[in-house]
Every structure is written in C-alpha cells, then in structure tokens.
Amino acid sequence: MSVSIYRPLFILLPLLLSILLSGCSEESAPTEKAGVAVQSFHLNPENQSELIERLAGDYLESSEKLTQQFLMSRKAEDAQGFIRYRNESWTPEYMSRKEFYQQIQHLNKAYIYRHQLNGLFDSFMHLQKLSLHLKHSLQNSDSLLAEQVMVKLAEDQEIAISYLSDFRPVRK
C-alpha cells in the first residue's frame, strides 16, 4: 500500500525537474544583436565610440525611414498607408533595436550617466512616441502636431549627429 502512494511521486518528480531545468535554461540565454552578447557588454572608454556610432546610426536610420514614409503618406493623403507601414514594418524593426539598447542601458546605467550618453539613449527611446504622434497627426489632419513632431525629430537628429562628432575616436 505504501508503495502505491509514492509511485506517482516517482513519476512526477523527474517530469517536474525536467520542466524546471528546461525553463531556466532559456531565460539565461543572452540577447544578441550583430554578434554582441548584451549580458556581457560593459561600456568602457575603448568601446564607447563603437556603441555611439551604432546607436546614433540606428537612430538616424529609423527616424529617416519614419520621416520619409510620413512625408510620402501626407503628400498622398494616405493615413492608412502610413499606419500600415508603421505597424507592420517600422515598429517591429525599431522594437528589436530598442530592446537591445534598453538592455545595454540597464547594464551600464552608471557609465552612461557619468559619461553623459543619456541624451542619445533618450532620443532613441522616445522615437516610438514620436511615430505615434505622426500617426495621430495624419488621422486627425492635425498639421500643428505634425509640425511639432517634425521639429522634435530634427532636434533629436542633431543630437545624434553631435554625439557622432563629439565621440569620434582619435585615429593614430
């Protein structure tokens, strides 16, 4: 009788253990973008300019794509086309980049603030909100909102460009 009570435990214990171990192994996998493991990426003076070039480049590319599509859609009075582009193409690409940079920012927060790199990170992180404002400006035919967003995008692009010029490594 006592053997029959413990028999289900002997069957369930290995099953639960295997589920637990397989679940844990996937959580610890590092996120990678372009071959860089985020969990092991620690900013320092040697790799700072490389990250700035990558982040500023990604910001400029993402904002330029968004701006060009917005201007074409506004000219064609095609709000739905812009919304489709933003939802199906631009946002998924942007979100994968944003997740990567958020993890780097989280791991290197002290370094980023100490070396005044937070402005570039902030510009990149707020790009999604600006894309949403562009969408609303087209949906509501709000030219004032569109103008304000375009000014903010231009300012943020200047910030990204200034980081590129300020933090260029000295070539020997």
Protein backbone atom coordinates (compact mmCIF):
# COMPACT_ATOMS: atom_id res chain seq x y z
CA MET A 1 0.00 0.00 0.00
CA SER A 2 2.77 2.47 0.84
CA VAL A 3 4.48 1.72 -2.48
CA SER A 4 1.38 2.75 -4.45
CA ILE A 5 1.25 6.16 -2.70
CA TYR A 6 4.84 7.00 -3.62
CA ARG A 7 4.72 5.61 -7.14
CA PRO A 8 3.05 8.75 -8.67
CA LEU A 9 5.66 10.90 -6.92
CA PHE A 10 8.48 8.93 -8.56
CA ILE A 11 6.85 9.51 -11.94
CA LEU A 12 6.08 13.21 -11.43
CA LEU A 13 9.38 14.19 -9.80
CA PRO A 14 11.58 13.62 -12.90
CA LEU A 15 8.96 15.27 -15.10
CA LEU A 16 8.77 18.37 -12.91
CA LEU A 17 12.55 18.52 -12.62
CA SER A 18 12.99 18.38 -16.41
CA ILE A 19 10.38 21.11 -16.92
CA LEU A 20 12.06 23.29 -14.32
CA LEU A 21 15.51 22.84 -15.82
CA SER A 22 14.41 23.43 -19.40
CA GLY A 23 12.51 26.57 -18.38
CA CYS A 24 15.51 28.02 -16.56
CA SER A 25 17.97 27.35 -19.35
CA GLU A 26 16.08 29.51 -21.83
CA GLU A 27 15.84 32.53 -19.51
CA SER A 28 19.58 32.81 -19.10
CA ALA A 29 20.31 32.96 -22.83
CA PRO A 30 21.86 36.34 -23.66
CA THR A 31 20.14 38.62 -26.14
CA GLU A 32 22.32 39.28 -29.15
CA LYS A 33 22.38 41.86 -31.90
CA ALA A 34 25.04 41.77 -34.55
CA GLY A 35 27.03 39.19 -32.61
CA VAL A 36 27.28 41.13 -29.33
CA ALA A 37 26.01 39.39 -26.22
CA VAL A 38 24.18 42.03 -24.21
CA GLN A 39 24.74 40.31 -20.87
CA SER A 40 28.48 40.64 -21.35
CA PHE A 41 28.56 44.11 -22.94
CA HIS A 42 30.04 46.56 -20.48
CA LEU A 43 30.73 50.05 -21.72
CA ASN A 44 34.22 51.42 -21.29
CA PRO A 45 36.32 54.09 -22.99
CA GLU A 46 37.58 51.56 -25.56
CA ASN A 47 34.14 50.51 -26.85
CA GLN A 48 32.17 53.68 -26.15
CA SER A 49 32.63 55.20 -29.60
CA GLU A 50 31.59 51.94 -31.28
CA LEU A 51 28.32 51.88 -29.33
CA ILE A 52 27.69 55.57 -30.01
CA GLU A 53 28.20 55.04 -33.74
CA ARG A 54 25.82 52.08 -33.71
CA LEU A 55 23.13 53.78 -31.59
CA ALA A 56 23.31 57.11 -33.42
CA GLY A 57 23.32 55.30 -36.76
CA ASP A 58 20.29 53.23 -35.79
CA TYR A 59 18.52 56.36 -34.57
CA LEU A 60 19.26 58.29 -37.75
CA GLU A 61 18.23 55.37 -39.96
CA SER A 62 14.98 54.70 -38.05
CA SER A 63 13.99 58.36 -37.87
CA GLU A 64 14.81 58.93 -41.53
CA LYS A 65 12.72 55.96 -42.67
CA LEU A 66 9.85 57.14 -40.50
CA THR A 67 10.11 60.73 -41.72
CA GLN A 68 10.28 59.79 -45.40
CA GLN A 69 7.29 57.47 -45.14
CA PHE A 70 5.34 60.13 -43.23
CA LEU A 71 6.07 62.81 -45.84
CA MET A 72 5.09 60.50 -48.72
CA SER A 73 1.89 59.45 -46.95
CA ARG A 74 0.97 63.01 -46.06
CA LYS A 75 1.51 64.16 -49.64
CA ALA A 76 -0.65 61.28 -50.92
CA GLU A 77 -3.19 61.84 -48.12
CA ASP A 78 -2.76 58.17 -47.23
CA ALA A 79 -3.01 57.91 -43.45
CA GLN A 80 -3.82 54.20 -43.63
CA GLY A 81 -0.71 53.53 -45.70
CA PHE A 82 1.45 55.23 -43.09
CA ILE A 83 -0.27 53.36 -40.28
CA ARG A 84 0.24 50.06 -42.10
CA TYR A 85 3.93 50.86 -42.69
CA ARG A 86 4.42 51.95 -39.09
CA ASN A 87 2.66 48.92 -37.61
CA GLU A 88 3.92 46.19 -39.93
CA SER A 89 7.40 47.30 -40.91
CA TRP A 90 8.87 50.17 -38.93
CA THR A 91 7.72 49.30 -35.39
CA PRO A 92 8.89 45.65 -35.31
CA GLU A 93 12.35 46.65 -36.55
CA TYR A 94 12.51 49.57 -34.12
CA MET A 95 11.33 47.48 -31.16
CA SER A 96 14.05 44.87 -31.64
CA ARG A 97 16.66 47.61 -31.64
CA LYS A 98 15.02 49.36 -28.69
CA GLU A 99 15.04 46.17 -26.62
CA PHE A 100 18.74 45.71 -27.35
CA TYR A 101 19.60 49.27 -26.29
CA GLN A 102 17.36 49.13 -23.22
CA GLN A 103 19.29 46.12 -22.01
CA ILE A 104 22.62 47.82 -22.62
CA GLN A 105 21.33 50.93 -20.84
CA HIS A 106 20.17 48.86 -17.89
CA LEU A 107 23.52 47.07 -17.58
CA ASN A 108 25.57 50.26 -17.97
CA LYS A 109 23.33 52.92 -16.41
CA ALA A 110 26.03 54.44 -14.18
CA TYR A 111 28.56 54.63 -17.01
CA ILE A 112 26.01 56.15 -19.39
CA TYR A 113 25.05 58.94 -16.99
CA ARG A 114 28.62 59.54 -15.82
CA HIS A 115 29.76 59.99 -19.43
CA GLN A 116 26.66 61.95 -20.46
CA LEU A 117 25.45 59.49 -23.07
CA ASN A 118 21.88 59.51 -21.77
CA GLY A 119 20.73 62.15 -24.27
CA LEU A 120 21.37 59.81 -27.17
CA PHE A 121 19.64 56.92 -25.42
CA ASP A 122 16.68 59.19 -24.56
CA SER A 123 16.30 60.30 -28.17
CA PHE A 124 16.23 56.71 -29.38
CA MET A 125 13.80 55.56 -26.68
CA HIS A 126 11.33 58.38 -27.43
CA LEU A 127 11.24 57.73 -31.17
CA GLN A 128 8.28 55.36 -30.83
CA LYS A 129 6.21 58.05 -29.12
CA LEU A 130 7.02 60.48 -31.93
CA SER A 131 5.93 57.90 -34.50
CA LEU A 132 2.63 57.61 -32.69
CA HIS A 133 2.18 61.39 -32.81
CA LEU A 134 2.86 61.34 -36.55
CA LYS A 135 0.18 58.70 -36.96
CA HIS A 136 -2.31 60.78 -34.99
CA SER A 137 -1.44 63.91 -36.95
CA LEU A 138 -2.38 62.11 -40.18
CA GLN A 139 -5.51 60.51 -38.76
CA ASN A 140 -6.78 63.80 -37.36
CA SER A 141 -5.41 66.07 -40.12
CA ASP A 142 -3.51 67.94 -37.40
CA SER A 143 -0.81 69.92 -39.19
CA LEU A 144 0.28 71.65 -35.97
CA LEU A 145 1.03 68.31 -34.30
CA ALA A 146 2.87 67.12 -37.41
CA GLU A 147 4.97 70.29 -37.43
CA GLN A 148 5.83 69.93 -33.73
CA VAL A 149 6.88 66.31 -34.20
CA MET A 150 8.98 67.12 -37.25
CA VAL A 151 10.76 69.86 -35.28
CA LYS A 152 11.42 67.42 -32.43
CA LEU A 153 12.71 64.79 -34.87
CA ALA A 154 15.07 67.35 -36.43
CA GLU A 155 16.33 68.35 -32.97
CA ASP A 156 16.91 64.73 -32.00
CA GLN A 157 18.69 64.05 -35.28
CA GLU A 158 21.01 66.96 -34.48
CA ILE A 159 21.64 65.42 -31.05
CA ALA A 160 22.57 62.10 -32.66
CA ILE A 161 24.87 63.83 -35.15
CA SER A 162 26.52 65.81 -32.36
CA TYR A 163 27.24 62.59 -30.45
CA LEU A 164 28.82 61.16 -33.58
CA SER A 165 31.11 64.16 -33.99
CA ASP A 166 31.88 64.60 -30.26
CA PHE A 167 32.81 60.99 -29.59
CA ARG A 168 34.75 60.04 -32.70
CA PRO A 169 37.81 58.06 -31.68
CA VAL A 170 41.17 59.62 -32.32
CA ARG A 171 42.84 57.66 -35.12
CA LYS A 172 46.55 57.06 -34.66
